[in-house]
């Protein structure tokens, strides 16, 4: 299975791995041009099964969330402290099914579009 890389480039930002657990990740969203932390992204580990794409077999792999996943199984926080709180809730299995699938965003969370 392919694991997520410790450094990912997406949507004009660099993402750097902060923490990985059994159920969740924390990545720092970094603006390389202006050299500052934009936010911290916390998300549940999701696995995409092996599949055939245009005749090529794609291996089973971990998936980095897309914009549409935020508020469902991925969240963005301005502070590492808030990100770590969500991370711990995921790791400990403290999120209800409704909370995991909810599109409601708490006041410290922003959707990135």
PDB file of N, CA and C in Angstrom:
ATOM      1  N   UNK A   1       0.841  -1.181   0.000  1.00  0.00           N
ATOM      2  CA  UNK A   1       0.000   0.000   0.000  1.00  0.00           C
ATOM      3  C   UNK A   1       0.888   1.246   0.000  1.00  0.00           C
ATOM      4  N   UNK A   2       0.484   2.253  -0.775  1.00  0.00           N
ATOM      5  CA  UNK A   2       1.226   3.511  -0.812  1.00  0.00           C
ATOM      6  C   UNK A   2       0.733   4.420   0.321  1.00  0.00           C
ATOM      7  N   UNK A   3       1.689   4.880   1.121  1.00  0.00           N
ATOM      8  CA  UNK A   3       1.388   5.812   2.211  1.00  0.00           C
ATOM      9  C   UNK A   3       1.522   7.239   1.705  1.00  0.00           C
ATOM     10  N   UNK A   4       0.890   8.174   2.394  1.00  0.00           N
ATOM     11  CA  UNK A   4       1.050   9.582   2.037  1.00  0.00           C
ATOM     12  C   UNK A   4       2.493  10.007   2.262  1.00  0.00           C
ATOM     13  N   UNK A   5       2.960  10.890   1.412  1.00  0.00           N
ATOM     14  CA  UNK A   5       4.318  11.416   1.524  1.00  0.00           C
ATOM     15  C   UNK A   5       4.383  12.431   2.674  1.00  0.00           C
ATOM     16  N   UNK A   6       5.542  12.595   3.296  1.00  0.00           N
ATOM     17  CA  UNK A   6       5.672  13.593   4.368  1.00  0.00           C
ATOM     18  C   UNK A   6       5.578  15.029   3.860  1.00  0.00           C
ATOM     19  N   UNK A   7       5.833  15.244   2.563  1.00  0.00           N
ATOM     20  CA  UNK A   7       5.678  16.570   1.953  1.00  0.00           C
ATOM     21  C   UNK A   7       4.815  16.413   0.710  1.00  0.00           C
ATOM     22  N   UNK A   8       3.770  17.254   0.631  1.00  0.00           N
ATOM     23  CA  UNK A   8       2.827  17.202  -0.490  1.00  0.00           C
ATOM     24  C   UNK A   8       2.633  18.622  -1.006  1.00  0.00           C
ATOM     25  N   UNK A   9       2.568  18.775  -2.311  1.00  0.00           N
ATOM     26  CA  UNK A   9       2.296  20.077  -2.934  1.00  0.00           C
ATOM     27  C   UNK A   9       0.903  19.993  -3.545  1.00  0.00           C
ATOM     28  N   UNK A  10       0.000  20.924  -3.145  1.00  0.00           N
ATOM     29  CA  UNK A  10      -1.380  20.893  -3.626  1.00  0.00           C
ATOM     30  C   UNK A  10      -1.996  22.272  -3.484  1.00  0.00           C
ATOM     31  N   UNK A  11      -2.783  22.673  -4.480  1.00  0.00           N
ATOM     32  CA  UNK A  11      -3.513  23.948  -4.441  1.00  0.00           C
ATOM     33  C   UNK A  11      -2.607  25.147  -4.164  1.00  0.00           C
ATOM     34  N   UNK A  12      -1.369  25.101  -4.623  1.00  0.00           N
ATOM     35  CA  UNK A  12      -0.450  26.218  -4.442  1.00  0.00           C
ATOM     36  C   UNK A  12       0.213  26.277  -3.081  1.00  0.00           C
ATOM     37  N   UNK A  13       0.030  25.256  -2.256  1.00  0.00           N
ATOM     38  CA  UNK A  13       0.624  25.214  -0.920  1.00  0.00           C
ATOM     39  C   UNK A  13       1.471  23.965  -0.766  1.00  0.00           C
ATOM     40  N   UNK A  14       2.403  24.030   0.175  1.00  0.00           N
ATOM     41  CA  UNK A  14       3.141  22.861   0.599  1.00  0.00           C
ATOM     42  C   UNK A  14       2.487  22.360   1.879  1.00  0.00           C
ATOM     43  N   UNK A  15       2.393  21.052   1.997  1.00  0.00           N
ATOM     44  CA  UNK A  15       1.850  20.427   3.199  1.00  0.00           C
ATOM     45  C   UNK A  15       2.949  19.568   3.789  1.00  0.00           C
ATOM     46  N   UNK A  16       3.214  19.770   5.087  1.00  0.00           N
ATOM     47  CA  UNK A  16       4.277  19.034   5.756  1.00  0.00           C
ATOM     48  C   UNK A  16       3.680  18.208   6.898  1.00  0.00           C
ATOM     49  N   UNK A  17       4.050  16.948   6.934  1.00  0.00           N
ATOM     50  CA  UNK A  17       3.546  16.036   7.953  1.00  0.00           C
ATOM     51  C   UNK A  17       3.992  16.490   9.342  1.00  0.00           C
ATOM     52  N   UNK A  18       3.034  16.614  10.228  1.00  0.00           N
ATOM     53  CA  UNK A  18       3.317  16.936  11.631  1.00  0.00           C
ATOM     54  C   UNK A  18       3.187  15.681  12.493  1.00  0.00           C
ATOM     55  N   UNK A  19       2.094  14.922  12.261  1.00  0.00           N
ATOM     56  CA  UNK A  19       1.830  13.759  13.110  1.00  0.00           C
ATOM     57  C   UNK A  19       0.977  12.747  12.359  1.00  0.00           C
ATOM     58  N   UNK A  20       1.292  11.465  12.548  1.00  0.00           N
ATOM     59  CA  UNK A  20       0.477  10.390  12.000  1.00  0.00           C
ATOM     60  C   UNK A  20       0.196   9.389  13.098  1.00  0.00           C
ATOM     61  N   UNK A  21      -1.058   8.999  13.196  1.00  0.00           N
ATOM     62  CA  UNK A  21      -1.456   7.997  14.180  1.00  0.00           C
ATOM     63  C   UNK A  21      -2.048   6.783  13.492  1.00  0.00           C
ATOM     64  N   UNK A  22      -2.812   6.016  14.253  1.00  0.00           N
ATOM     65  CA  UNK A  22      -3.476   4.829  13.716  1.00  0.00           C
ATOM     66  C   UNK A  22      -4.675   5.209  12.848  1.00  0.00           C
ATOM     67  N   UNK A  23      -5.306   6.373  13.142  1.00  0.00           N
ATOM     68  CA  UNK A  23      -6.543   6.747  12.466  1.00  0.00           C
ATOM     69  C   UNK A  23      -6.507   8.113  11.802  1.00  0.00           C
ATOM     70  N   UNK A  24      -5.486   8.925  12.084  1.00  0.00           N
ATOM     71  CA  UNK A  24      -5.510  10.316  11.616  1.00  0.00           C
ATOM     72  C   UNK A  24      -4.116  10.849  11.302  1.00  0.00           C
ATOM     73  N   UNK A  25      -4.137  11.953  10.566  1.00  0.00           N
ATOM     74  CA  UNK A  25      -2.940  12.718  10.217  1.00  0.00           C
ATOM     75  C   UNK A  25      -3.133  14.173  10.632  1.00  0.00           C
ATOM     76  N   UNK A  26      -2.003  14.856  10.873  1.00  0.00           N
ATOM     77  CA  UNK A  26      -1.973  16.325  10.928  1.00  0.00           C
ATOM     78  C   UNK A  26      -0.889  16.762   9.945  1.00  0.00           C
ATOM     79  N   UNK A  27      -1.270  17.661   9.037  1.00  0.00           N
ATOM     80  CA  UNK A  27      -0.326  18.290   8.123  1.00  0.00           C
ATOM     81  C   UNK A  27      -0.349  19.793   8.346  1.00  0.00           C
ATOM     82  N   UNK A  28       0.802  20.415   8.263  1.00  0.00           N
ATOM     83  CA  UNK A  28       0.915  21.864   8.305  1.00  0.00           C
ATOM     84  C   UNK A  28       0.788  22.379   6.871  1.00  0.00           C
ATOM     85  N   UNK A  29      -0.113  23.335   6.670  1.00  0.00           N
ATOM     86  CA  UNK A  29      -0.248  23.973   5.360  1.00  0.00           C
ATOM     87  C   UNK A  29       0.683  25.178   5.359  1.00  0.00           C
ATOM     88  N   UNK A  30       1.619  25.194   4.429  1.00  0.00           N
ATOM     89  CA  UNK A  30       2.699  26.168   4.425  1.00  0.00           C
ATOM     90  C   UNK A  30       2.677  26.968   3.131  1.00  0.00           C
ATOM     91  N   UNK A  31       2.808  28.297   3.251  1.00  0.00           N
ATOM     92  CA  UNK A  31       2.936  29.170   2.085  1.00  0.00           C
ATOM     93  C   UNK A  31       4.423  29.395   1.859  1.00  0.00           C
ATOM     94  N   UNK A  32       4.959  28.742   0.835  1.00  0.00           N
ATOM     95  CA  UNK A  32       6.396  28.788   0.583  1.00  0.00           C
ATOM     96  C   UNK A  32       6.848  30.161   0.094  1.00  0.00           C
ATOM     97  N   UNK A  33       5.988  30.837  -0.665  1.00  0.00           N
ATOM     98  CA  UNK A  33       6.357  32.154  -1.198  1.00  0.00           C
ATOM     99  C   UNK A  33       6.566  33.178  -0.083  1.00  0.00           C
ATOM    100  N   UNK A  34       5.645  33.198   0.883  1.00  0.00           N
ATOM    101  CA  UNK A  34       5.735  34.176   1.966  1.00  0.00           C
ATOM    102  C   UNK A  34       6.277  33.584   3.259  1.00  0.00           C
ATOM    103  N   UNK A  35       6.574  32.281   3.234  1.00  0.00           N
ATOM    104  CA  UNK A  35       7.203  31.572   4.349  1.00  0.00           C
ATOM    105  C   UNK A  35       6.459  31.729   5.674  1.00  0.00           C
ATOM    106  N   UNK A  36       5.232  31.220   5.701  1.00  0.00           N
ATOM    107  CA  UNK A  36       4.481  31.196   6.953  1.00  0.00           C
ATOM    108  C   UNK A  36       3.486  30.039   6.941  1.00  0.00           C
ATOM    109  N   UNK A  37       3.092  29.609   8.148  1.00  0.00           N
ATOM    110  CA  UNK A  37       2.084  28.571   8.298  1.00  0.00           C
ATOM    111  C   UNK A  37       0.719  29.191   8.082  1.00  0.00           C
ATOM    112  N   UNK A  38      -0.036  28.633   7.151  1.00  0.00           N
ATOM    113  CA  UNK A  38      -1.383  29.106   6.857  1.00  0.00           C
ATOM    114  C   UNK A  38      -2.374  28.479   7.832  1.00  0.00           C
ATOM    115  N   UNK A  39      -2.261  27.155   8.010  1.00  0.00           N
ATOM    116  CA  UNK A  39      -3.210  26.427   8.849  1.00  0.00           C
ATOM    117  C   UNK A  39      -2.671  25.029   9.106  1.00  0.00           C
ATOM    118  N   UNK A  40      -3.450  24.261   9.868  1.00  0.00           N
ATOM    119  CA  UNK A  40      -3.144  22.857  10.126  1.00  0.00           C
ATOM    120  C   UNK A  40      -4.344  22.039   9.674  1.00  0.00           C
ATOM    121  N   UNK A  41      -4.085  20.994   8.926  1.00  0.00           N
ATOM    122  CA  UNK A  41      -5.155  20.156   8.420  1.00  0.00           C
ATOM    123  C   UNK A  41      -5.103  18.808   9.116  1.00  0.00           C
ATOM    124  N   UNK A  42      -6.259  18.422   9.652  1.00  0.00           N
ATOM    125  CA  UNK A  42      -6.409  17.158  10.366  1.00  0.00           C
ATOM    126  C   UNK A  42      -7.395  16.320   9.572  1.00  0.00           C
ATOM    127  N   UNK A  43      -7.052  15.068   9.352  1.00  0.00           N
ATOM    128  CA  UNK A  43      -7.993  14.232   8.625  1.00  0.00           C
ATOM    129  C   UNK A  43      -7.839  12.764   8.998  1.00  0.00           C
ATOM    130  N   UNK A  44      -8.959  12.057   8.836  1.00  0.00           N
ATOM    131  CA  UNK A  44      -8.966  10.625   9.066  1.00  0.00           C
ATOM    132  C   UNK A  44      -8.188   9.941   7.950  1.00  0.00           C
ATOM    133  N   UNK A  45      -7.545   8.862   8.276  1.00  0.00           N
ATOM    134  CA  UNK A  45      -6.850   8.074   7.266  1.00  0.00           C
ATOM    135  C   UNK A  45      -7.902   7.374   6.414  1.00  0.00           C
ATOM    136  N   UNK A  46      -7.830   7.615   5.127  1.00  0.00           N
ATOM    137  CA  UNK A  46      -8.730   6.982   4.166  1.00  0.00           C
ATOM    138  C   UNK A  46      -7.890   6.181   3.183  1.00  0.00           C
ATOM    139  N   UNK A  47      -8.357   4.993   2.859  1.00  0.00           N
ATOM    140  CA  UNK A  47      -7.657   4.100   1.944  1.00  0.00           C
ATOM    141  C   UNK A  47      -8.489   3.943   0.681  1.00  0.00           C
ATOM    142  N   UNK A  48      -7.862   4.177  -0.454  1.00  0.00           N
ATOM    143  CA  UNK A  48      -8.510   3.924  -1.738  1.00  0.00           C
ATOM    144  C   UNK A  48      -8.021   2.562  -2.214  1.00  0.00           C
ATOM    145  N   UNK A  49      -8.960   1.711  -2.524  1.00  0.00           N
ATOM    146  CA  UNK A  49      -8.611   0.362  -2.958  1.00  0.00           C
ATOM    147  C   UNK A  49      -7.928   0.367  -4.322  1.00  0.00           C
ATOM    148  N   UNK A  50      -7.228  -0.701  -4.587  1.00  0.00           N
ATOM    149  CA  UNK A  50      -6.583  -0.895  -5.881  1.00  0.00           C
ATOM    150  C   UNK A  50      -7.644  -0.800  -6.976  1.00  0.00           C
ATOM    151  N   UNK A  51      -7.299  -0.111  -8.094  1.00  0.00           N
ATOM    152  CA  UNK A  51      -8.267   0.014  -9.184  1.00  0.00           C
ATOM    153  C   UNK A  51      -7.553   0.187 -10.516  1.00  0.00           C
ATOM    154  N   UNK A  52      -8.294  -0.067 -11.563  1.00  0.00           N
ATOM    155  CA  UNK A  52      -7.795   0.064 -12.918  1.00  0.00           C
ATOM    156  C   UNK A  52      -8.190   1.440 -13.451  1.00  0.00           C
ATOM    157  N   UNK A  53      -7.196   2.234 -13.890  1.00  0.00           N
ATOM    158  CA  UNK A  53      -7.444   3.579 -14.421  1.00  0.00           C
ATOM    159  C   UNK A  53      -6.776   3.667 -15.792  1.00  0.00           C
ATOM    160  N   UNK A  54      -7.593   3.852 -16.820  1.00  0.00           N
ATOM    161  CA  UNK A  54      -7.090   3.946 -18.197  1.00  0.00           C
ATOM    162  C   UNK A  54      -6.124   2.805 -18.535  1.00  0.00           C
ATOM    163  N   UNK A  55      -6.486   1.605 -18.076  1.00  0.00           N
ATOM    164  CA  UNK A  55      -5.671   0.435 -18.383  1.00  0.00           C
ATOM    165  C   UNK A  55      -4.494   0.202 -17.452  1.00  0.00           C
ATOM    166  N   UNK A  56      -4.236   1.144 -16.544  1.00  0.00           N
ATOM    167  CA  UNK A  56      -3.135   0.984 -15.585  1.00  0.00           C
ATOM    168  C   UNK A  56      -3.697   0.602 -14.219  1.00  0.00           C
ATOM    169  N   UNK A  57      -3.058  -0.360 -13.573  1.00  0.00           N
ATOM    170  CA  UNK A  57      -3.472  -0.775 -12.243  1.00  0.00           C
ATOM    171  C   UNK A  57      -2.876   0.174 -11.206  1.00  0.00           C
ATOM    172  N   UNK A  58      -3.739   0.877 -10.491  1.00  0.00           N
ATOM    173  CA  UNK A  58      -3.308   1.794  -9.429  1.00  0.00           C
ATOM    174  C   UNK A  58      -3.321   1.021  -8.115  1.00  0.00           C
ATOM    175  N   UNK A  59      -2.233   1.038  -7.364  1.00  0.00           N
ATOM    176  CA  UNK A  59      -2.180   0.268  -6.115  1.00  0.00           C
ATOM    177  C   UNK A  59      -3.064   0.885  -5.030  1.00  0.00           C
ATOM    178  N   UNK A  60      -3.360   0.087  -4.038  1.00  0.00           N
ATOM    179  CA  UNK A  60      -4.065   0.583  -2.859  1.00  0.00           C
ATOM    180  C   UNK A  60      -3.230   1.713  -2.257  1.00  0.00           C
ATOM    181  N   UNK A  61      -3.909   2.799  -1.832  1.00  0.00           N
ATOM    182  CA  UNK A  61      -3.138   3.946  -1.335  1.00  0.00           C
ATOM    183  C   UNK A  61      -3.936   4.780  -0.339  1.00  0.00           C
ATOM    184  N   UNK A  62      -3.202   5.488   0.510  1.00  0.00           N
ATOM    185  CA  UNK A  62      -3.827   6.472   1.387  1.00  0.00           C
ATOM    186  C   UNK A  62      -4.173   7.702   0.548  1.00  0.00           C
ATOM    187  N   UNK A  63      -5.239   8.393   0.949  1.00  0.00           N
ATOM    188  CA  UNK A  63      -5.746   9.520   0.176  1.00  0.00           C
ATOM    189  C   UNK A  63      -5.639  10.814   0.985  1.00  0.00           C
ATOM    190  N   UNK A  64      -5.087  11.846   0.349  1.00  0.00           N
ATOM    191  CA  UNK A  64      -5.084  13.199   0.916  1.00  0.00           C
ATOM    192  C   UNK A  64      -6.443  13.816   0.596  1.00  0.00           C
ATOM    193  N   UNK A  65      -7.079  14.502   1.548  1.00  0.00           N
ATOM    194  CA  UNK A  65      -8.429  15.012   1.294  1.00  0.00           C
ATOM    195  C   UNK A  65      -8.485  16.079   0.204  1.00  0.00           C
ATOM    196  N   UNK A  66      -9.581  16.074  -0.519  1.00  0.00           N
ATOM    197  CA  UNK A  66      -9.873  17.131  -1.477  1.00  0.00           C
ATOM    198  C   UNK A  66     -10.714  18.201  -0.800  1.00  0.00           C
ATOM    199  N   UNK A  67     -10.908  19.321  -1.459  1.00  0.00           N
ATOM    200  CA  UNK A  67     -11.667  20.426  -0.869  1.00  0.00           C
ATOM    201  C   UNK A  67     -13.049  20.001  -0.391  1.00  0.00           C
ATOM    202  N   UNK A  68     -13.695  19.103  -1.133  1.00  0.00           N
ATOM    203  CA  UNK A  68     -15.051  18.671  -0.796  1.00  0.00           C
ATOM    204  C   UNK A  68     -15.104  17.784   0.450  1.00  0.00           C
ATOM    205  N   UNK A  69     -13.976  17.328   0.950  1.00  0.00           N
ATOM    206  CA  UNK A  69     -13.924  16.443   2.116  1.00  0.00           C
ATOM    207  C   UNK A  69     -13.900  17.192   3.445  1.00  0.00           C
ATOM    208  N   UNK A  70     -13.631  18.486   3.397  1.00  0.00           N
ATOM    209  CA  UNK A  70     -13.525  19.254   4.642  1.00  0.00           C
ATOM    210  C   UNK A  70     -14.897  19.453   5.267  1.00  0.00           C
ATOM    211  N   UNK A  71     -14.935  19.195   6.575  1.00  0.00           N
ATOM    212  CA  UNK A  71     -16.185  19.224   7.310  1.00  0.00           C
ATOM    213  C   UNK A  71     -16.825  17.855   7.383  1.00  0.00           C
ATOM    214  N   UNK A  72     -16.282  16.903   6.634  1.00  0.00           N
ATOM    215  CA  UNK A  72     -16.795  15.535   6.644  1.00  0.00           C
ATOM    216  C   UNK A  72     -15.799  14.608   7.339  1.00  0.00           C
ATOM    217  N   UNK A  73     -14.598  14.484   6.751  1.00  0.00           N
ATOM    218  CA  UNK A  73     -13.565  13.650   7.379  1.00  0.00           C
ATOM    219  C   UNK A  73     -12.212  14.366   7.441  1.00  0.00           C
ATOM    220  N   UNK A  74     -12.250  15.663   7.136  1.00  0.00           N
ATOM    221  CA  UNK A  74     -11.040  16.495   7.213  1.00  0.00           C
ATOM    222  C   UNK A  74     -11.429  17.871   7.745  1.00  0.00           C
ATOM    223  N   UNK A  75     -10.526  18.483   8.521  1.00  0.00           N
ATOM    224  CA  UNK A  75     -10.795  19.779   9.135  1.00  0.00           C
ATOM    225  C   UNK A  75      -9.551  20.646   9.073  1.00  0.00           C
ATOM    226  N   UNK A  76      -9.749  21.958   9.011  1.00  0.00           N
ATOM    227  CA  UNK A  76      -8.648  22.912   8.981  1.00  0.00           C
ATOM    228  C   UNK A  76      -8.727  23.796  10.223  1.00  0.00           C
ATOM    229  N   UNK A  77      -7.577  23.965  10.882  1.00  0.00           N
ATOM    230  CA  UNK A  77      -7.505  24.787  12.088  1.00  0.00           C
ATOM    231  C   UNK A  77      -6.381  25.799  11.950  1.00  0.00           C
ATOM    232  N   UNK A  78      -6.563  26.924  12.590  1.00  0.00           N
ATOM    233  CA  UNK A  78      -5.540  27.981  12.558  1.00  0.00           C
ATOM    234  C   UNK A  78      -4.409  27.726  13.533  1.00  0.00           C
ATOM    235  N   UNK A  79      -4.693  26.954  14.583  1.00  0.00           N
ATOM    236  CA  UNK A  79      -3.644  26.692  15.582  1.00  0.00           C
ATOM    237  C   UNK A  79      -3.372  25.193  15.682  1.00  0.00           C
ATOM    238  N   UNK A  80      -2.138  24.869  16.002  1.00  0.00           N
ATOM    239  CA  UNK A  80      -1.750  23.480  16.191  1.00  0.00           C
ATOM    240  C   UNK A  80      -2.495  22.881  17.383  1.00  0.00           C
ATOM    241  N   UNK A  81      -2.730  23.676  18.405  1.00  0.00           N
ATOM    242  CA  UNK A  81      -3.439  23.186  19.587  1.00  0.00           C
ATOM    243  C   UNK A  81      -4.837  22.668  19.233  1.00  0.00           C
ATOM    244  N   UNK A  82      -5.587  23.421  18.448  1.00  0.00           N
ATOM    245  CA  UNK A  82      -6.929  22.991  18.029  1.00  0.00           C
ATOM    246  C   UNK A  82      -6.842  21.767  17.123  1.00  0.00           C
ATOM    247  N   UNK A  83      -5.854  21.755  16.234  1.00  0.00           N
ATOM    248  CA  UNK A  83      -5.670  20.612  15.341  1.00  0.00           C
ATOM    249  C   UNK A  83      -5.386  19.345  16.160  1.00  0.00           C
ATOM    250  N   UNK A  84      -4.556  19.467  17.176  1.00  0.00           N
ATOM    251  CA  UNK A  84      -4.218  18.312  18.004  1.00  0.00           C
ATOM    252  C   UNK A  84      -5.421  17.820  18.797  1.00  0.00           C
ATOM    253  N   UNK A  85      -6.324  18.733  19.184  1.00  0.00           N
ATOM    254  CA  UNK A  85      -7.543  18.314  19.882  1.00  0.00           C
ATOM    255  C   UNK A  85      -8.406  17.434  18.979  1.00  0.00           C
ATOM    256  N   UNK A  86      -8.595  17.864  17.731  1.00  0.00           N
ATOM    257  CA  UNK A  86      -9.398  17.071  16.782  1.00  0.00           C
ATOM    258  C   UNK A  86      -8.700  15.738  16.500  1.00  0.00           C
ATOM    259  N   UNK A  87      -7.390  15.792  16.314  1.00  0.00           N
ATOM    260  CA  UNK A  87      -6.597  14.591  16.075  1.00  0.00           C
ATOM    261  C   UNK A  87      -6.817  13.572  17.202  1.00  0.00           C
ATOM    262  N   UNK A  88      -6.737  14.032  18.439  1.00  0.00           N
ATOM    263  CA  UNK A  88      -6.912  13.133  19.589  1.00  0.00           C
ATOM    264  C   UNK A  88      -8.319  12.554  19.627  1.00  0.00           C
ATOM    265  N   UNK A  89      -9.330  13.345  19.284  1.00  0.00           N
ATOM    266  CA  UNK A  89     -10.699  12.828  19.224  1.00  0.00           C
ATOM    267  C   UNK A  89     -10.813  11.713  18.189  1.00  0.00           C
ATOM    268  N   UNK A  90     -10.194  11.899  17.046  1.00  0.00           N
ATOM    269  CA  UNK A  90     -10.235  10.868  16.007  1.00  0.00           C
ATOM    270  C   UNK A  90      -9.485   9.620  16.475  1.00  0.00           C
ATOM    271  N   UNK A  91      -8.293   9.811  17.006  1.00  0.00           N
ATOM    272  CA  UNK A  91      -7.470   8.681  17.443  1.00  0.00           C
ATOM    273  C   UNK A  91      -8.153   7.866  18.536  1.00  0.00           C
ATOM    274  N   UNK A  92      -8.868   8.537  19.410  1.00  0.00           N
ATOM    275  CA  UNK A  92      -9.538   7.857  20.526  1.00  0.00           C
ATOM    276  C   UNK A  92     -10.926   7.346  20.153  1.00  0.00           C
ATOM    277  N   UNK A  93     -11.359   7.618  18.927  1.00  0.00           N
ATOM    278  CA  UNK A  93     -12.677   7.164  18.487  1.00  0.00           C
ATOM    279  C   UNK A  93     -13.812   7.896  19.161  1.00  0.00           C
ATOM    280  N   UNK A  94     -13.599   9.173  19.508  1.00  0.00           N
ATOM    281  CA  UNK A  94     -14.603   9.933  20.245  1.00  0.00           C
ATOM    282  C   UNK A  94     -15.591  10.672  19.354  1.00  0.00           C
ATOM    283  N   UNK A  95     -15.421  10.626  18.037  1.00  0.00           N
ATOM    284  CA  UNK A  95     -16.353  11.295  17.136  1.00  0.00           C
ATOM    285  C   UNK A  95     -17.518  10.369  16.839  1.00  0.00           C
ATOM    286  N   UNK A  96     -18.730  10.900  16.945  1.00  0.00           N
ATOM    287  CA  UNK A  96     -19.908  10.122  16.576  1.00  0.00           C
ATOM    288  C   UNK A  96     -20.003  10.039  15.061  1.00  0.00           C
ATOM    289  N   UNK A  97     -20.833   9.141  14.553  1.00  0.00           N
ATOM    290  CA  UNK A  97     -21.030   9.037  13.104  1.00  0.00           C
ATOM    291  C   UNK A  97     -21.544  10.348  12.541  1.00  0.00           C
ATOM    292  N   UNK A  98     -22.454  10.993  13.270  1.00  0.00           N
ATOM    293  CA  UNK A  98     -22.997  12.270  12.811  1.00  0.00           C
ATOM    294  C   UNK A  98     -21.914  13.335  12.755  1.00  0.00           C
ATOM    295  N   UNK A  99     -21.049  13.356  13.752  1.00  0.00           N
ATOM    296  CA  UNK A  99     -19.976  14.348  13.793  1.00  0.00           C
ATOM    297  C   UNK A  99     -18.959  14.098  12.683  1.00  0.00           C
ATOM    298  N   UNK A 100     -18.694  12.833  12.397  1.00  0.00           N
ATOM    299  CA  UNK A 100     -17.740  12.503  11.342  1.00  0.00           C
ATOM    300  C   UNK A 100     -18.267  12.895   9.976  1.00  0.00           C
ATOM    301  N   UNK A 101     -19.561  12.758   9.753  1.00  0.00           N
ATOM    302  CA  UNK A 101     -20.143  13.026   8.439  1.00  0.00           C
ATOM    303  C   UNK A 101     -20.756  14.414   8.337  1.00  0.00           C
ATOM    304  N   UNK A 102     -20.775  15.148   9.439  1.00  0.00           N
ATOM    305  CA  UNK A 102     -21.400  16.465   9.454  1.00  0.00           C
ATOM    306  C   UNK A 102     -20.670  17.439   8.550  1.00  0.00           C
ATOM    307  N   UNK A 103     -21.430  18.301   7.910  1.00  0.00           N
ATOM    308  CA  UNK A 103     -20.831  19.364   7.118  1.00  0.00           C
ATOM    309  C   UNK A 103     -20.773  20.652   7.924  1.00  0.00           C
ATOM    310  N   UNK A 104     -21.232  20.601   9.174  1.00  0.00           N
ATOM    311  CA  UNK A 104     -21.146  21.771  10.040  1.00  0.00           C
ATOM    312  C   UNK A 104     -19.700  22.004  10.408  1.00  0.00           C
ATOM    313  N   UNK A 105     -19.288  23.259  10.381  1.00  0.00           N
ATOM    314  CA  UNK A 105     -17.921  23.626  10.681  1.00  0.00           C
ATOM    315  C   UNK A 105     -17.919  24.452  11.956  1.00  0.00           C
ATOM    316  N   UNK A 106     -17.069  24.074  12.922  1.00  0.00           N
ATOM    317  CA  UNK A 106     -17.037  24.901  14.132  1.00  0.00           C
ATOM    318  C   UNK A 106     -16.326  26.215  13.814  1.00  0.00           C
ATOM    319  N   UNK A 107     -16.437  27.170  14.709  1.00  0.00           N
ATOM    320  CA  UNK A 107     -15.974  28.523  14.405  1.00  0.00           C
ATOM    321  C   UNK A 107     -14.468  28.626  14.178  1.00  0.00           C
ATOM    322  N   UNK A 108     -13.694  27.649  14.608  1.00  0.00           N
ATOM    323  CA  UNK A 108     -12.250  27.672  14.401  1.00  0.00           C
ATOM    324  C   UNK A 108     -11.824  26.884  13.165  1.00  0.00           C
ATOM    325  N   UNK A 109     -12.790  26.417  12.404  1.00  0.00           N
ATOM    326  CA  UNK A 109     -12.509  25.623  11.224  1.00  0.00           C
ATOM    327  C   UNK A 109     -12.959  26.375   9.985  1.00  0.00           C
ATOM    328  N   UNK A 110     -12.163  26.288   8.925  1.00  0.00           N
ATOM    329  CA  UNK A 110     -12.514  26.939   7.681  1.00  0.00           C
ATOM    330  C   UNK A 110     -12.438  25.940   6.552  1.00  0.00           C
ATOM    331  N   UNK A 111     -13.370  26.055   5.621  1.00  0.00           N
ATOM    332  CA  UNK A 111     -13.246  25.288   4.390  1.00  0.00           C
ATOM    333  C   UNK A 111     -12.309  26.030   3.463  1.00  0.00           C
ATOM    334  N   UNK A 112     -11.413  25.327   2.827  1.00  0.00           N
ATOM    335  CA  UNK A 112     -10.525  25.954   1.852  1.00  0.00           C
ATOM    336  C   UNK A 112     -11.115  25.714   0.481  1.00  0.00           C
ATOM    337  N   UNK A 113     -11.299  26.762  -0.270  1.00  0.00           N
ATOM    338  CA  UNK A 113     -11.881  26.609  -1.611  1.00  0.00           C
ATOM    339  C   UNK A 113     -10.913  27.112  -2.646  1.00  0.00           C
TER     340      UNK A 113
END
